Amino acid sequence: IGEPAIPREKVLRLVRTAFDDPLVRQWFRPGLTLMNECNILATDPLTGSLATYRPDRVMIDGREAVVVDFKFATPDADHEKQVRDYMGLLRLMGYSEVRGFLWYVFRNETVQVNPY
């Protein structure tokens, strides 16, 4: 019916390995305002209609926002565009410093996304 379940041991190994990375550990530190899969409403620049965007994880620390999108597939240029769009929306919302990342979970790979 769907993809087979990932064995628990493999998931735990992935999580432990991920938290060995100081960058990933930083995303889970105390004191951040966290928004998981929260909607961002904006006007679509092409159609003028209301559009909904939903980044996987946004962490706020004062005027700084960090957006992370989790991916369980192979890297694709569209993934970076998606994060850049989220970054632009956060800038429009008034965050002066915005950083974006893709986290390819199964590959244990993080990619910093450069803004437009």
C-alpha atoms as a PDB file:
ATOM      1  CA  ILE A   1       0.000   0.000   0.000  1.00  0.00           C
ATOM      2  CA  GLY A   2       2.720   2.471   0.951  1.00  0.00           C
ATOM      3  CA  GLU A   3       6.391   2.620   1.689  1.00  0.00           C
ATOM      4  CA  PRO A   4       7.599   0.026   4.195  1.00  0.00           C
ATOM      5  CA  ALA A   5       8.139   1.290   7.722  1.00  0.00           C
ATOM      6  CA  ILE A   6      11.657   2.279   8.659  1.00  0.00           C
ATOM      7  CA  PRO A   7      13.048   0.106  11.456  1.00  0.00           C
ATOM      8  CA  ARG A   8      13.138   1.886  14.804  1.00  0.00           C
ATOM      9  CA  GLU A   9      16.885   1.271  15.182  1.00  0.00           C
ATOM     10  CA  LYS A  10      17.582   3.011  11.877  1.00  0.00           C
ATOM     11  CA  VAL A  11      15.504   6.035  12.891  1.00  0.00           C
ATOM     12  CA  LEU A  12      17.334   6.284  16.225  1.00  0.00           C
ATOM     13  CA  ARG A  13      20.696   6.024  14.448  1.00  0.00           C
ATOM     14  CA  LEU A  14      19.679   8.795  12.029  1.00  0.00           C
ATOM     15  CA  VAL A  15      18.616  11.061  14.879  1.00  0.00           C
ATOM     16  CA  ARG A  16      21.809  10.464  16.893  1.00  0.00           C
ATOM     17  CA  THR A  17      23.975  11.111  13.848  1.00  0.00           C
ATOM     18  CA  ALA A  18      22.039  14.262  12.962  1.00  0.00           C
ATOM     19  CA  PHE A  19      22.541  15.714  16.429  1.00  0.00           C
ATOM     20  CA  ASP A  20      26.297  15.211  16.100  1.00  0.00           C
ATOM     21  CA  ASP A  21      26.149  18.137  13.651  1.00  0.00           C
ATOM     22  CA  PRO A  22      26.499  21.445  15.588  1.00  0.00           C
ATOM     23  CA  LEU A  23      24.284  23.226  13.041  1.00  0.00           C
ATOM     24  CA  VAL A  24      21.404  20.803  13.568  1.00  0.00           C
ATOM     25  CA  ARG A  25      21.865  20.886  17.350  1.00  0.00           C
ATOM     26  CA  GLN A  26      21.562  24.690  17.198  1.00  0.00           C
ATOM     27  CA  TRP A  27      18.108  24.375  15.608  1.00  0.00           C
ATOM     28  CA  PHE A  28      16.833  22.587  18.714  1.00  0.00           C
ATOM     29  CA  ARG A  29      18.381  24.756  21.422  1.00  0.00           C
ATOM     30  CA  PRO A  30      16.193  26.198  24.174  1.00  0.00           C
ATOM     31  CA  GLY A  31      15.008  29.783  23.941  1.00  0.00           C
ATOM     32  CA  LEU A  32      13.929  29.825  20.297  1.00  0.00           C
ATOM     33  CA  THR A  33      10.389  30.626  19.287  1.00  0.00           C
ATOM     34  CA  LEU A  34       9.420  27.636  17.211  1.00  0.00           C
ATOM     35  CA  MET A  35       6.845  27.350  14.463  1.00  0.00           C
ATOM     36  CA  ASN A  36       6.376  23.878  13.012  1.00  0.00           C
ATOM     37  CA  GLU A  37       4.354  23.662   9.807  1.00  0.00           C
ATOM     38  CA  CYS A  38       2.608  26.982  10.452  1.00  0.00           C
ATOM     39  CA  ASN A  39       0.841  28.605   7.537  1.00  0.00           C
ATOM     40  CA  ILE A  40       2.142  31.823   6.019  1.00  0.00           C
ATOM     41  CA  LEU A  41      -0.534  33.645   4.043  1.00  0.00           C
ATOM     42  CA  ALA A  42       0.562  35.885   1.194  1.00  0.00           C
ATOM     43  CA  THR A  43      -0.699  37.244  -2.076  1.00  0.00           C
ATOM     44  CA  ASP A  44       0.496  35.219  -5.049  1.00  0.00           C
ATOM     45  CA  PRO A  45       2.449  37.715  -7.197  1.00  0.00           C
ATOM     46  CA  LEU A  46       1.334  36.049 -10.440  1.00  0.00           C
ATOM     47  CA  THR A  47      -2.386  35.729  -9.811  1.00  0.00           C
ATOM     48  CA  GLY A  48      -3.078  38.233  -7.038  1.00  0.00           C
ATOM     49  CA  SER A  49      -4.943  35.526  -5.140  1.00  0.00           C
ATOM     50  CA  LEU A  50      -4.271  34.469  -1.581  1.00  0.00           C
ATOM     51  CA  ALA A  51      -1.672  31.690  -1.311  1.00  0.00           C
ATOM     52  CA  THR A  52      -0.677  29.507   1.636  1.00  0.00           C
ATOM     53  CA  TYR A  53       2.915  28.495   2.312  1.00  0.00           C
ATOM     54  CA  ARG A  54       3.917  25.990   4.977  1.00  0.00           C
ATOM     55  CA  PRO A  55       7.601  25.652   5.902  1.00  0.00           C
ATOM     56  CA  ASP A  56       8.476  22.599   7.987  1.00  0.00           C
ATOM     57  CA  ARG A  57      10.290  24.479  10.753  1.00  0.00           C
ATOM     58  CA  VAL A  58      10.875  28.169  11.437  1.00  0.00           C
ATOM     59  CA  MET A  59      12.922  29.254  14.428  1.00  0.00           C
ATOM     60  CA  ILE A  60      12.794  32.850  15.625  1.00  0.00           C
ATOM     61  CA  ASP A  61      15.404  34.519  17.815  1.00  0.00           C
ATOM     62  CA  GLY A  62      14.689  38.245  18.071  1.00  0.00           C
ATOM     63  CA  ARG A  63      14.866  39.713  14.547  1.00  0.00           C
ATOM     64  CA  GLU A  64      16.517  36.568  13.144  1.00  0.00           C
ATOM     65  CA  ALA A  65      14.544  33.796  11.467  1.00  0.00           C
ATOM     66  CA  VAL A  66      15.876  30.428  10.343  1.00  0.00           C
ATOM     67  CA  VAL A  67      13.766  28.227   8.093  1.00  0.00           C
ATOM     68  CA  VAL A  68      14.473  24.514   7.650  1.00  0.00           C
ATOM     69  CA  ASP A  69      12.698  22.247   5.221  1.00  0.00           C
ATOM     70  CA  PHE A  70      13.053  18.514   5.830  1.00  0.00           C
ATOM     71  CA  LYS A  71      13.436  16.356   2.744  1.00  0.00           C
ATOM     72  CA  PHE A  72      13.301  12.593   2.501  1.00  0.00           C
ATOM     73  CA  ALA A  73      14.050  12.473  -1.228  1.00  0.00           C
ATOM     74  CA  THR A  74      17.080  13.105  -3.388  1.00  0.00           C
ATOM     75  CA  PRO A  75      18.173  16.745  -3.801  1.00  0.00           C
ATOM     76  CA  ASP A  76      16.322  18.784  -6.396  1.00  0.00           C
ATOM     77  CA  ALA A  77      16.703  22.426  -7.493  1.00  0.00           C
ATOM     78  CA  ASP A  78      13.005  22.978  -6.726  1.00  0.00           C
ATOM     79  CA  HIS A  79      13.744  22.329  -3.049  1.00  0.00           C
ATOM     80  CA  GLU A  80      16.072  25.341  -2.913  1.00  0.00           C
ATOM     81  CA  LYS A  81      13.517  27.541  -4.676  1.00  0.00           C
ATOM     82  CA  GLN A  82      10.911  26.526  -2.123  1.00  0.00           C
ATOM     83  CA  VAL A  83      13.162  27.543   0.792  1.00  0.00           C
ATOM     84  CA  ARG A  84      14.114  30.814  -0.963  1.00  0.00           C
ATOM     85  CA  ASP A  85      10.416  31.622  -1.271  1.00  0.00           C
ATOM     86  CA  TYR A  86       9.952  31.006   2.461  1.00  0.00           C
ATOM     87  CA  MET A  87      12.963  33.213   3.197  1.00  0.00           C
ATOM     88  CA  GLY A  88      11.506  36.037   1.103  1.00  0.00           C
ATOM     89  CA  LEU A  89       8.197  35.805   2.927  1.00  0.00           C
ATOM     90  CA  LEU A  90       9.925  35.992   6.302  1.00  0.00           C
ATOM     91  CA  ARG A  91      11.809  39.104   5.171  1.00  0.00           C
ATOM     92  CA  LEU A  92       8.501  40.665   4.126  1.00  0.00           C
ATOM     93  CA  MET A  93       7.225  39.864   7.610  1.00  0.00           C
ATOM     94  CA  GLY A  94       9.979  42.094   9.046  1.00  0.00           C
ATOM     95  CA  TYR A  95      12.760  39.683   9.997  1.00  0.00           C
ATOM     96  CA  SER A  96      16.020  41.460   9.198  1.00  0.00           C
ATOM     97  CA  GLU A  97      18.243  38.393   9.193  1.00  0.00           C
ATOM     98  CA  VAL A  98      16.863  35.280   7.503  1.00  0.00           C
ATOM     99  CA  ARG A  99      18.712  32.057   6.822  1.00  0.00           C
ATOM    100  CA  GLY A 100      17.406  28.949   5.102  1.00  0.00           C
ATOM    101  CA  PHE A 101      18.420  25.313   5.029  1.00  0.00           C
ATOM    102  CA  LEU A 102      17.420  22.037   3.489  1.00  0.00           C
ATOM    103  CA  TRP A 103      17.909  18.962   5.624  1.00  0.00           C
ATOM    104  CA  TYR A 104      18.075  15.748   3.622  1.00  0.00           C
ATOM    105  CA  VAL A 105      17.347  13.499   6.579  1.00  0.00           C
ATOM    106  CA  PHE A 106      18.213  10.064   5.168  1.00  0.00           C
ATOM    107  CA  ARG A 107      21.440  11.386   3.662  1.00  0.00           C
ATOM    108  CA  ASN A 108      22.250  13.295   6.877  1.00  0.00           C
ATOM    109  CA  GLU A 109      23.057  16.286   4.701  1.00  0.00           C
ATOM    110  CA  THR A 110      22.298  19.935   5.381  1.00  0.00           C
ATOM    111  CA  VAL A 111      22.429  22.509   2.605  1.00  0.00           C
ATOM    112  CA  GLN A 112      22.416  26.227   3.251  1.00  0.00           C
ATOM    113  CA  VAL A 113      20.173  28.022   0.761  1.00  0.00           C
ATOM    114  CA  ASN A 114      21.355  31.359  -0.504  1.00  0.00           C
ATOM    115  CA  PRO A 115      18.747  34.108  -0.875  1.00  0.00           C
ATOM    116  CA  TYR A 116      17.681  35.423  -4.275  1.00  0.00           C
END
